[in-house]
């Protein structure tokens, strides 16, 4: 599965994708976010109660999902030492689902897969 940021926004909000949301809300997994402008890759996991849908919904909401490295891309420094949020930083991101785990998979197995 490969989704551009715009496709991710559609999947999270559009009623046409209700079946996708239902499926992604039931599984844990390992996913990759790639910045298509520079090729940087961010491997992450979605486990526990958040599942894939919970994590990806957070990225759709703010473009960084609380991820420290991605959050830095979301803000620019302006005069006076103030940080201002960009509105388009995530549009270059591509979301890939690399591995899916069932809802009862132990977190140690998901952690091991993320580390691998």
N, C-alpha and C. Protein backbone atom coordinates (compact mmCIF):
# COMPACT_ATOMS: atom_id res chain seq x y z
N UNK A 1 0.85 -1.16 0.00
CA UNK A 1 0.00 0.00 0.00
C UNK A 1 0.90 1.23 0.00
N UNK A 2 0.66 2.12 -0.92
CA UNK A 2 1.35 3.41 -0.99
C UNK A 2 0.30 4.50 -1.08
N UNK A 3 0.37 5.46 -0.18
CA UNK A 3 -0.56 6.57 -0.20
C UNK A 3 0.19 7.88 -0.15
N UNK A 4 -0.15 8.80 -1.03
CA UNK A 4 0.38 10.15 -0.88
C UNK A 4 -0.33 10.78 0.31
N UNK A 5 0.17 11.90 0.75
CA UNK A 5 -0.47 12.57 1.88
C UNK A 5 -1.91 12.94 1.54
N UNK A 6 -2.15 13.40 0.32
CA UNK A 6 -3.51 13.75 -0.08
C UNK A 6 -4.42 12.52 -0.06
N UNK A 7 -3.91 11.39 -0.52
CA UNK A 7 -4.69 10.16 -0.49
C UNK A 7 -4.95 9.71 0.96
N UNK A 8 -3.97 9.94 1.83
CA UNK A 8 -4.16 9.63 3.24
C UNK A 8 -5.29 10.48 3.82
N UNK A 9 -5.29 11.77 3.50
CA UNK A 9 -6.37 12.65 3.97
C UNK A 9 -7.73 12.13 3.49
N UNK A 10 -7.80 11.73 2.22
CA UNK A 10 -9.05 11.21 1.68
C UNK A 10 -9.47 9.92 2.39
N UNK A 11 -8.50 9.02 2.61
CA UNK A 11 -8.82 7.75 3.25
C UNK A 11 -9.36 7.95 4.66
N UNK A 12 -8.81 8.91 5.37
CA UNK A 12 -9.22 9.15 6.75
C UNK A 12 -10.60 9.81 6.83
N UNK A 13 -10.95 10.64 5.85
CA UNK A 13 -12.18 11.44 5.95
C UNK A 13 -13.32 11.05 5.02
N UNK A 14 -13.01 10.50 3.87
CA UNK A 14 -14.02 10.28 2.84
C UNK A 14 -14.85 9.03 3.15
N UNK A 15 -16.17 9.14 3.12
CA UNK A 15 -17.03 7.98 3.40
C UNK A 15 -16.80 6.80 2.45
N UNK A 16 -16.28 7.07 1.26
CA UNK A 16 -16.01 5.98 0.31
C UNK A 16 -15.01 4.97 0.85
N UNK A 17 -14.19 5.39 1.83
CA UNK A 17 -13.13 4.53 2.34
C UNK A 17 -13.44 3.94 3.71
N UNK A 18 -14.71 3.84 4.03
CA UNK A 18 -15.12 3.30 5.33
C UNK A 18 -14.60 1.88 5.54
N UNK A 19 -14.60 1.06 4.50
CA UNK A 19 -14.10 -0.31 4.62
C UNK A 19 -12.60 -0.34 4.92
N UNK A 20 -11.85 0.56 4.28
CA UNK A 20 -10.42 0.66 4.56
C UNK A 20 -10.19 1.07 6.01
N UNK A 21 -10.94 2.05 6.46
CA UNK A 21 -10.79 2.51 7.85
C UNK A 21 -11.12 1.38 8.82
N UNK A 22 -12.16 0.62 8.54
CA UNK A 22 -12.52 -0.50 9.41
C UNK A 22 -11.39 -1.52 9.46
N UNK A 23 -10.80 -1.83 8.33
CA UNK A 23 -9.71 -2.81 8.29
C UNK A 23 -8.47 -2.28 9.01
N UNK A 24 -8.10 -1.04 8.75
CA UNK A 24 -6.90 -0.48 9.37
C UNK A 24 -7.06 -0.21 10.86
N UNK A 25 -8.29 -0.13 11.32
CA UNK A 25 -8.51 0.07 12.76
C UNK A 25 -8.35 -1.23 13.54
N UNK A 26 -8.26 -2.35 12.83
CA UNK A 26 -8.16 -3.66 13.48
C UNK A 26 -6.75 -4.23 13.50
N UNK A 27 -5.82 -3.62 12.78
CA UNK A 27 -4.49 -4.23 12.66
C UNK A 27 -3.39 -3.31 13.19
N UNK A 28 -2.35 -3.98 13.70
CA UNK A 28 -1.12 -3.30 14.08
C UNK A 28 -0.18 -3.42 12.89
N UNK A 29 0.90 -2.66 12.89
CA UNK A 29 1.82 -2.84 11.79
C UNK A 29 3.02 -1.94 11.82
N UNK A 30 3.86 -2.15 10.82
CA UNK A 30 5.05 -1.36 10.59
C UNK A 30 4.79 -0.57 9.31
N UNK A 31 5.07 0.72 9.38
CA UNK A 31 4.85 1.56 8.20
C UNK A 31 6.05 2.46 7.98
N UNK A 32 6.12 3.01 6.80
CA UNK A 32 7.21 3.86 6.39
C UNK A 32 6.63 5.16 5.84
N UNK A 33 7.22 6.26 6.27
CA UNK A 33 6.88 7.55 5.69
C UNK A 33 8.12 8.01 4.93
N UNK A 34 7.96 8.31 3.66
CA UNK A 34 9.08 8.77 2.84
C UNK A 34 8.81 10.20 2.40
N UNK A 35 9.81 11.05 2.57
CA UNK A 35 9.73 12.42 2.06
C UNK A 35 10.21 12.36 0.62
N UNK A 36 9.31 12.51 -0.33
CA UNK A 36 9.65 12.34 -1.74
C UNK A 36 10.55 13.44 -2.27
N UNK A 37 10.73 14.53 -1.52
CA UNK A 37 11.62 15.60 -2.00
C UNK A 37 13.08 15.31 -1.73
N UNK A 38 13.37 14.53 -0.67
CA UNK A 38 14.77 14.30 -0.33
C UNK A 38 15.08 12.81 -0.07
N UNK A 39 14.08 11.95 -0.13
CA UNK A 39 14.29 10.52 0.05
C UNK A 39 14.44 10.06 1.49
N UNK A 40 14.34 10.96 2.45
CA UNK A 40 14.46 10.55 3.85
C UNK A 40 13.29 9.65 4.21
N UNK A 41 13.61 8.65 5.03
CA UNK A 41 12.62 7.66 5.41
C UNK A 41 12.47 7.60 6.91
N UNK A 42 11.22 7.43 7.35
CA UNK A 42 10.89 7.36 8.76
C UNK A 42 10.09 6.09 9.00
N UNK A 43 10.74 5.09 9.62
CA UNK A 43 10.08 3.83 9.94
C UNK A 43 9.38 3.99 11.28
N UNK A 44 8.16 3.51 11.36
CA UNK A 44 7.40 3.61 12.60
C UNK A 44 6.54 2.37 12.77
N UNK A 45 6.00 2.25 13.96
CA UNK A 45 5.09 1.14 14.26
C UNK A 45 3.77 1.70 14.77
N UNK A 46 2.76 0.93 14.61
CA UNK A 46 1.45 1.24 15.18
C UNK A 46 1.01 -0.02 15.89
N UNK A 47 1.00 0.07 17.22
CA UNK A 47 0.61 -1.10 17.99
C UNK A 47 -0.33 -0.67 19.10
N UNK A 48 -0.69 -1.60 19.93
CA UNK A 48 -1.60 -1.26 21.01
C UNK A 48 -2.95 -0.85 20.49
N UNK A 49 -3.61 0.02 21.22
CA UNK A 49 -4.99 0.40 20.87
C UNK A 49 -5.08 1.36 19.69
N UNK A 50 -3.98 2.02 19.33
CA UNK A 50 -4.03 2.99 18.23
C UNK A 50 -4.23 2.33 16.87
N UNK A 51 -3.56 1.22 16.67
CA UNK A 51 -3.60 0.50 15.41
C UNK A 51 -3.13 1.42 14.27
N UNK A 52 -3.17 0.92 13.06
CA UNK A 52 -2.71 1.70 11.91
C UNK A 52 -3.59 2.93 11.70
N UNK A 53 -4.88 2.75 11.74
CA UNK A 53 -5.78 3.87 11.48
C UNK A 53 -5.57 5.00 12.48
N UNK A 54 -5.40 4.68 13.74
CA UNK A 54 -5.19 5.71 14.75
C UNK A 54 -3.95 6.53 14.49
N UNK A 55 -2.85 5.85 14.17
CA UNK A 55 -1.60 6.58 13.89
C UNK A 55 -1.73 7.42 12.63
N UNK A 56 -2.26 6.83 11.56
CA UNK A 56 -2.34 7.56 10.31
C UNK A 56 -3.33 8.71 10.39
N UNK A 57 -4.36 8.57 11.19
CA UNK A 57 -5.30 9.69 11.38
C UNK A 57 -4.60 10.87 12.03
N UNK A 58 -3.68 10.59 12.94
CA UNK A 58 -2.93 11.66 13.59
C UNK A 58 -2.05 12.38 12.58
N UNK A 59 -1.40 11.63 11.69
CA UNK A 59 -0.59 12.28 10.64
C UNK A 59 -1.48 13.13 9.73
N UNK A 60 -2.65 12.62 9.41
CA UNK A 60 -3.57 13.38 8.55
C UNK A 60 -3.98 14.68 9.23
N UNK A 61 -4.13 14.65 10.53
CA UNK A 61 -4.57 15.83 11.28
C UNK A 61 -3.53 16.94 11.29
N UNK A 62 -2.26 16.58 11.56
CA UNK A 62 -1.27 17.64 11.74
C UNK A 62 -0.02 17.51 10.87
N UNK A 63 0.10 16.44 10.11
CA UNK A 63 1.24 16.28 9.22
C UNK A 63 2.49 15.73 9.87
N UNK A 64 2.51 15.61 11.19
CA UNK A 64 3.70 15.07 11.85
C UNK A 64 3.40 13.97 12.85
N UNK A 65 2.17 13.82 13.27
CA UNK A 65 1.78 12.74 14.16
C UNK A 65 2.50 12.70 15.48
N UNK A 66 3.09 13.82 15.87
CA UNK A 66 3.84 13.86 17.12
C UNK A 66 5.27 13.38 16.98
N UNK A 67 5.65 12.90 15.81
CA UNK A 67 7.00 12.43 15.56
C UNK A 67 7.96 13.61 15.62
N UNK A 68 8.99 13.52 16.44
CA UNK A 68 9.91 14.65 16.67
C UNK A 68 10.57 15.11 15.38
N UNK A 69 11.11 14.16 14.59
CA UNK A 69 11.79 14.53 13.35
C UNK A 69 10.84 15.19 12.36
N UNK A 70 9.63 14.67 12.24
CA UNK A 70 8.66 15.25 11.31
C UNK A 70 8.10 16.56 11.83
N UNK A 71 8.00 16.68 13.15
CA UNK A 71 7.52 17.93 13.75
C UNK A 71 8.48 19.08 13.42
N UNK A 72 9.78 18.78 13.41
CA UNK A 72 10.76 19.81 13.06
C UNK A 72 10.55 20.31 11.64
N UNK A 73 10.14 19.43 10.74
CA UNK A 73 9.86 19.84 9.36
C UNK A 73 8.60 20.69 9.26
N UNK A 74 7.72 20.56 10.25
CA UNK A 74 6.43 21.23 10.20
C UNK A 74 6.49 22.68 10.65
N UNK A 75 7.62 23.09 11.22
CA UNK A 75 7.73 24.45 11.74
C UNK A 75 8.95 25.15 11.16
N UNK A 76 8.82 26.45 10.99
CA UNK A 76 9.95 27.27 10.58
C UNK A 76 10.16 28.34 11.65
N UNK A 77 11.40 28.75 11.79
CA UNK A 77 11.71 29.81 12.73
C UNK A 77 11.49 31.15 12.05
N UNK A 78 10.86 32.05 12.75
CA UNK A 78 10.64 33.41 12.26
C UNK A 78 11.36 34.36 13.20
N UNK A 79 11.58 35.60 12.78
CA UNK A 79 12.28 36.55 13.64
C UNK A 79 11.67 36.61 15.04
N UNK A 80 12.55 36.73 16.02
CA UNK A 80 12.10 36.77 17.41
C UNK A 80 12.13 35.41 18.07
N UNK A 81 12.67 34.39 17.36
CA UNK A 81 12.78 33.05 17.94
C UNK A 81 11.47 32.30 18.02
N UNK A 82 10.45 32.78 17.32
CA UNK A 82 9.15 32.13 17.34
C UNK A 82 9.10 31.08 16.22
N UNK A 83 8.43 29.97 16.49
CA UNK A 83 8.24 28.94 15.47
C UNK A 83 6.84 29.05 14.91
N UNK A 84 6.75 28.99 13.60
CA UNK A 84 5.45 29.09 12.92
C UNK A 84 5.23 27.80 12.14
N UNK A 85 4.00 27.26 12.24
CA UNK A 85 3.71 26.01 11.55
C UNK A 85 3.49 26.24 10.06
N UNK A 86 4.13 25.38 9.27
CA UNK A 86 3.90 25.39 7.82
C UNK A 86 2.59 24.69 7.55
N UNK A 87 2.00 24.98 6.43
CA UNK A 87 0.73 24.32 6.10
C UNK A 87 0.88 23.24 5.05
N UNK A 88 2.04 23.17 4.40
CA UNK A 88 2.18 22.24 3.28
C UNK A 88 3.35 21.28 3.39
N UNK A 89 3.98 21.19 4.55
CA UNK A 89 5.18 20.37 4.68
C UNK A 89 4.94 18.90 4.39
N UNK A 90 3.77 18.39 4.68
CA UNK A 90 3.50 16.95 4.56
C UNK A 90 3.05 16.54 3.16
N UNK A 91 2.82 17.48 2.28
CA UNK A 91 2.27 17.10 0.97
C UNK A 91 3.23 16.23 0.15
N UNK A 92 4.53 16.24 0.51
CA UNK A 92 5.50 15.41 -0.19
C UNK A 92 5.64 14.01 0.41
N UNK A 93 4.95 13.73 1.51
CA UNK A 93 5.09 12.45 2.19
C UNK A 93 4.32 11.35 1.47
N UNK A 94 4.92 10.17 1.46
CA UNK A 94 4.29 8.97 0.94
C UNK A 94 4.26 7.96 2.09
N UNK A 95 3.10 7.40 2.35
CA UNK A 95 2.89 6.46 3.45
C UNK A 95 2.82 5.05 2.87
N UNK A 96 3.61 4.15 3.43
CA UNK A 96 3.66 2.76 2.98
C UNK A 96 3.40 1.84 4.16
N UNK A 97 2.57 0.87 3.96
CA UNK A 97 2.33 -0.15 4.97
C UNK A 97 3.25 -1.32 4.64
N UNK A 98 4.20 -1.60 5.52
CA UNK A 98 5.22 -2.61 5.24
C UNK A 98 4.88 -3.99 5.78
N UNK A 99 4.28 -4.02 6.96
CA UNK A 99 3.95 -5.31 7.57
C UNK A 99 2.74 -5.14 8.47
N UNK A 100 1.87 -6.11 8.42
CA UNK A 100 0.63 -6.07 9.20
C UNK A 100 0.65 -7.21 10.22
N UNK A 101 0.16 -6.90 11.42
CA UNK A 101 0.04 -7.88 12.49
C UNK A 101 -1.40 -7.88 12.99
N UNK A 102 -1.86 -9.03 13.41
CA UNK A 102 -3.19 -9.13 13.99
C UNK A 102 -3.28 -8.37 15.30
N UNK A 103 -4.50 -8.09 15.74
CA UNK A 103 -4.69 -7.29 16.94
C UNK A 103 -4.16 -7.95 18.22
N UNK A 104 -4.00 -9.26 18.23
CA UNK A 104 -3.52 -9.93 19.45
C UNK A 104 -2.01 -10.21 19.42
N UNK A 105 -1.33 -9.74 18.40
CA UNK A 105 0.12 -9.95 18.32
C UNK A 105 0.79 -9.22 19.48
N UNK A 106 1.68 -9.89 20.20
CA UNK A 106 2.36 -9.24 21.33
C UNK A 106 3.21 -8.05 20.85
N UNK A 107 3.26 -7.03 21.68
CA UNK A 107 4.02 -5.83 21.31
C UNK A 107 5.51 -6.15 21.14
N UNK A 108 6.02 -7.17 21.81
CA UNK A 108 7.42 -7.54 21.63
C UNK A 108 7.71 -7.97 20.20
N UNK A 109 6.75 -8.64 19.57
CA UNK A 109 6.92 -9.06 18.18
C UNK A 109 6.88 -7.86 17.23
N UNK A 110 5.98 -6.93 17.50
CA UNK A 110 5.90 -5.72 16.68
C UNK A 110 7.17 -4.89 16.86
N UNK A 111 7.65 -4.76 18.08
CA UNK A 111 8.88 -4.03 18.35
C UNK A 111 10.07 -4.64 17.63
N UNK A 112 10.16 -5.96 17.64
CA UNK A 112 11.25 -6.65 16.97
C UNK A 112 11.21 -6.39 15.45
N UNK A 113 10.02 -6.40 14.89
CA UNK A 113 9.86 -6.14 13.46
C UNK A 113 10.26 -4.71 13.12
N UNK A 114 9.90 -3.76 13.97
CA UNK A 114 10.28 -2.37 13.72
C UNK A 114 11.80 -2.22 13.78
N UNK A 115 12.44 -2.86 14.74
CA UNK A 115 13.89 -2.77 14.88
C UNK A 115 14.62 -3.41 13.69
N UNK A 116 14.01 -4.46 13.16
CA UNK A 116 14.62 -5.17 12.04
C UNK A 116 14.69 -4.26 10.84
